[in-house]
């Protein structure tokens, strides 16, 4: 299994307001590397509810780089990879919002959602939220910390592969009839 898991946290409901990002790379079925950054959003408008969820405040990111400034480090983590996220539609929309905000060159990759994977592999669960899956698999993590969420997302994909006895992500997607999605702006 070779893929990367990504997770964003946002300052508010606008998809260009990323305030943190993490990418966890899995090589040969093991966590190989990780990337984490706090991000200064284009406008320092933080929603109280978002702060309550992830704990990141305007003071935490005031002197941090913008998304455009971290893009040269982040883009290679995604280019030509299989990228997964828990509730991928959210994370892909944040990535698109940030790329569009700064008019950056988009990466090329395929992406999959671990919520969809979990629904197919463990349909008996009450729900397929990251917290529920973490509890079910006894994964101790700080939910809504982007790095912990990305690690947990990666663990879920690895557990699904093990459950279905597959050796790569293409086999996993094929076995559960999950369509390949291409990242597009």
Protein backbone atom coordinates (compact mmCIF):
# COMPACT_ATOMS: atom_id res chain seq x y z
CA UNK A 1 0.00 0.00 0.00
CA UNK A 2 1.42 3.34 -1.17
CA UNK A 3 -0.61 6.52 -0.74
CA UNK A 4 -0.79 9.80 1.16
CA UNK A 5 -3.46 10.96 3.60
CA UNK A 6 -4.28 14.67 3.84
CA UNK A 7 -6.23 16.72 6.35
CA UNK A 8 -7.04 20.43 6.57
CA UNK A 9 -8.43 22.60 9.34
CA UNK A 10 -10.05 25.91 8.40
CA UNK A 11 -10.42 29.27 10.11
CA UNK A 12 -14.04 29.68 8.99
CA UNK A 13 -16.55 28.25 6.52
CA UNK A 14 -14.71 29.65 3.47
CA UNK A 15 -12.80 26.93 1.67
CA UNK A 16 -9.74 29.16 1.14
CA UNK A 17 -9.29 29.67 4.90
CA UNK A 18 -6.96 26.75 5.66
CA UNK A 19 -5.16 27.35 8.95
CA UNK A 20 -3.39 23.98 9.13
CA UNK A 21 -2.58 21.07 6.85
CA UNK A 22 -1.00 17.67 7.31
CA UNK A 23 0.06 14.98 4.86
CA UNK A 24 1.08 11.50 5.95
CA UNK A 25 2.88 9.33 3.39
CA UNK A 26 2.48 5.55 3.46
CA UNK A 27 5.05 3.41 1.65
CA UNK A 28 4.90 -0.37 1.55
CA UNK A 29 2.07 -0.37 4.08
CA UNK A 30 3.90 1.69 6.72
CA UNK A 31 3.85 5.35 7.64
CA UNK A 32 7.00 6.66 6.00
CA UNK A 33 6.93 10.44 6.32
CA UNK A 34 4.72 13.33 7.36
CA UNK A 35 4.34 17.03 6.69
CA UNK A 36 2.52 19.51 8.94
CA UNK A 37 2.15 23.28 8.76
CA UNK A 38 0.17 26.03 10.40
CA UNK A 39 -1.04 28.46 7.74
CA UNK A 40 -1.92 32.13 7.82
CA UNK A 41 -5.27 32.40 5.98
CA UNK A 42 -5.68 35.18 3.37
CA UNK A 43 -8.01 36.99 5.76
CA UNK A 44 -7.64 36.62 9.52
CA UNK A 45 -11.33 35.92 10.05
CA UNK A 46 -11.69 33.05 12.53
CA UNK A 47 -15.08 31.64 13.39
CA UNK A 48 -15.55 30.92 17.10
CA UNK A 49 -16.97 27.46 16.31
CA UNK A 50 -13.92 26.54 14.21
CA UNK A 51 -11.60 27.62 17.02
CA UNK A 52 -13.61 25.47 19.44
CA UNK A 53 -13.24 22.48 17.10
CA UNK A 54 -9.50 22.61 16.37
CA UNK A 55 -8.08 25.04 18.92
CA UNK A 56 -6.15 27.13 16.39
CA UNK A 57 -6.45 30.88 17.03
CA UNK A 58 -5.46 33.94 15.00
CA UNK A 59 -2.45 34.40 17.30
CA UNK A 60 -1.24 30.89 16.45
CA UNK A 61 -1.01 31.69 12.73
CA UNK A 62 -0.41 35.46 12.62
CA UNK A 63 3.30 35.00 11.82
CA UNK A 64 2.99 31.73 9.87
CA UNK A 65 3.44 31.41 6.10
CA UNK A 66 0.50 31.66 3.72
CA UNK A 67 -0.68 28.67 1.69
CA UNK A 68 1.19 30.08 -1.32
CA UNK A 69 4.41 30.12 0.72
CA UNK A 70 4.12 26.44 1.72
CA UNK A 71 2.95 25.26 -1.72
CA UNK A 72 6.46 24.47 -2.98
CA UNK A 73 6.80 21.99 -0.08
CA UNK A 74 3.22 20.68 -0.10
CA UNK A 75 2.65 20.14 -3.84
CA UNK A 76 5.35 17.42 -4.24
CA UNK A 77 3.68 15.49 -1.39
CA UNK A 78 0.56 15.17 -3.58
CA UNK A 79 1.76 15.12 -7.19
CA UNK A 80 1.28 11.78 -8.95
CA UNK A 81 0.13 10.07 -5.75
CA UNK A 82 -3.00 8.39 -4.53
CA UNK A 83 -4.40 10.84 -1.99
CA UNK A 84 -6.96 9.89 0.63
CA UNK A 85 -8.91 11.99 3.11
CA UNK A 86 -11.70 11.37 5.58
CA UNK A 87 -14.67 13.17 4.05
CA UNK A 88 -12.53 13.89 1.00
CA UNK A 89 -15.03 16.30 -0.55
CA UNK A 90 -14.22 18.77 2.27
CA UNK A 91 -10.43 18.45 2.02
CA UNK A 92 -10.45 18.57 -1.79
CA UNK A 93 -12.63 21.70 -1.69
CA UNK A 94 -10.20 23.37 0.76
CA UNK A 95 -7.27 22.45 -1.48
CA UNK A 96 -9.10 23.88 -4.51
CA UNK A 97 -10.07 27.02 -2.59
CA UNK A 98 -6.47 27.67 -1.53
CA UNK A 99 -5.04 26.95 -4.99
CA UNK A 100 -7.58 29.29 -6.58
CA UNK A 101 -7.01 32.01 -3.95
CA UNK A 102 -3.33 32.23 -4.85
CA UNK A 103 -3.60 31.14 -8.51
CA UNK A 104 -1.20 28.23 -8.00
CA UNK A 105 -0.46 25.36 -10.35
CA UNK A 106 -2.66 22.44 -9.27
CA UNK A 107 -1.18 19.03 -8.51
CA UNK A 108 -2.11 15.92 -10.48
CA UNK A 109 -3.40 13.02 -8.40
CA UNK A 110 -6.17 10.49 -7.82
CA UNK A 111 -8.17 10.73 -4.61
CA UNK A 112 -10.39 8.53 -2.51
CA UNK A 113 -12.50 9.04 0.61
CA UNK A 114 -11.97 6.90 3.71
CA UNK A 115 -15.57 7.52 4.79
CA UNK A 116 -16.65 5.70 1.60
CA UNK A 117 -14.06 2.99 2.21
CA UNK A 118 -15.21 2.49 5.82
CA UNK A 119 -18.89 2.30 4.80
CA UNK A 120 -18.08 -0.51 2.36
CA UNK A 121 -15.67 -2.45 4.61
CA UNK A 122 -17.43 -2.02 7.98
CA UNK A 123 -21.13 -1.46 7.17
CA UNK A 124 -22.17 -2.68 10.63
CA UNK A 125 -20.82 0.42 12.39
CA UNK A 126 -23.28 2.99 13.70
CA UNK A 127 -21.57 5.72 11.68
CA UNK A 128 -18.25 6.20 9.89
CA UNK A 129 -16.97 9.40 11.48
CA UNK A 130 -13.25 9.56 12.19
CA UNK A 131 -13.84 9.57 15.95
CA UNK A 132 -16.08 6.51 15.74
CA UNK A 133 -13.54 4.61 13.65
CA UNK A 134 -10.71 5.65 15.94
CA UNK A 135 -12.62 4.35 18.93
CA UNK A 136 -13.62 1.13 17.14
CA UNK A 137 -10.00 0.39 16.23
CA UNK A 138 -8.62 1.69 19.53
CA UNK A 139 -6.61 4.44 17.82
CA UNK A 140 -5.64 7.13 20.31
CA UNK A 141 -5.58 10.49 18.57
CA UNK A 142 -6.32 14.18 19.09
CA UNK A 143 -9.30 14.66 16.77
CA UNK A 144 -9.15 17.85 14.67
CA UNK A 145 -5.39 18.08 14.93
CA UNK A 146 -4.57 17.84 11.23
CA UNK A 147 -1.55 15.58 11.72
CA UNK A 148 -3.38 13.18 14.05
CA UNK A 149 -6.39 13.11 11.72
CA UNK A 150 -4.19 12.36 8.68
CA UNK A 151 -2.41 9.56 10.58
CA UNK A 152 -5.75 8.08 11.64
CA UNK A 153 -7.07 8.34 8.08
CA UNK A 154 -3.98 6.47 6.85
CA UNK A 155 -4.47 3.81 9.55
CA UNK A 156 -8.07 3.28 8.44
CA UNK A 157 -7.01 2.70 4.84
CA UNK A 158 -4.32 0.26 5.98
CA UNK A 159 -6.82 -1.58 8.19
CA UNK A 160 -9.25 -1.80 5.25
CA UNK A 161 -6.49 -3.25 3.07
CA UNK A 162 -5.68 -5.81 5.73
CA UNK A 163 -9.35 -6.71 6.22
CA UNK A 164 -9.81 -7.28 2.49
CA UNK A 165 -6.38 -8.93 2.06
CA UNK A 166 -5.18 -6.59 -0.67
CA UNK A 167 -1.64 -5.37 -1.22
CA UNK A 168 -2.22 -2.05 -2.98
CA UNK A 169 -4.73 0.76 -3.14
CA UNK A 170 -5.87 -0.07 -6.67
CA UNK A 171 -6.88 -3.55 -5.51
CA UNK A 172 -8.69 -2.06 -2.53
CA UNK A 173 -10.65 0.38 -4.70
CA UNK A 174 -11.51 -2.37 -7.17
CA UNK A 175 -12.59 -4.85 -4.50
CA UNK A 176 -15.07 -2.40 -2.91
CA UNK A 177 -16.05 -0.87 -6.26
CA UNK A 178 -14.88 2.59 -5.32
CA UNK A 179 -14.49 4.87 -8.36
CA UNK A 180 -11.20 6.60 -9.04
CA UNK A 181 -11.57 10.36 -8.78
CA UNK A 182 -9.12 12.70 -10.47
CA UNK A 183 -8.37 15.97 -8.70
CA UNK A 184 -9.67 18.89 -10.77
CA UNK A 185 -10.13 22.57 -10.05
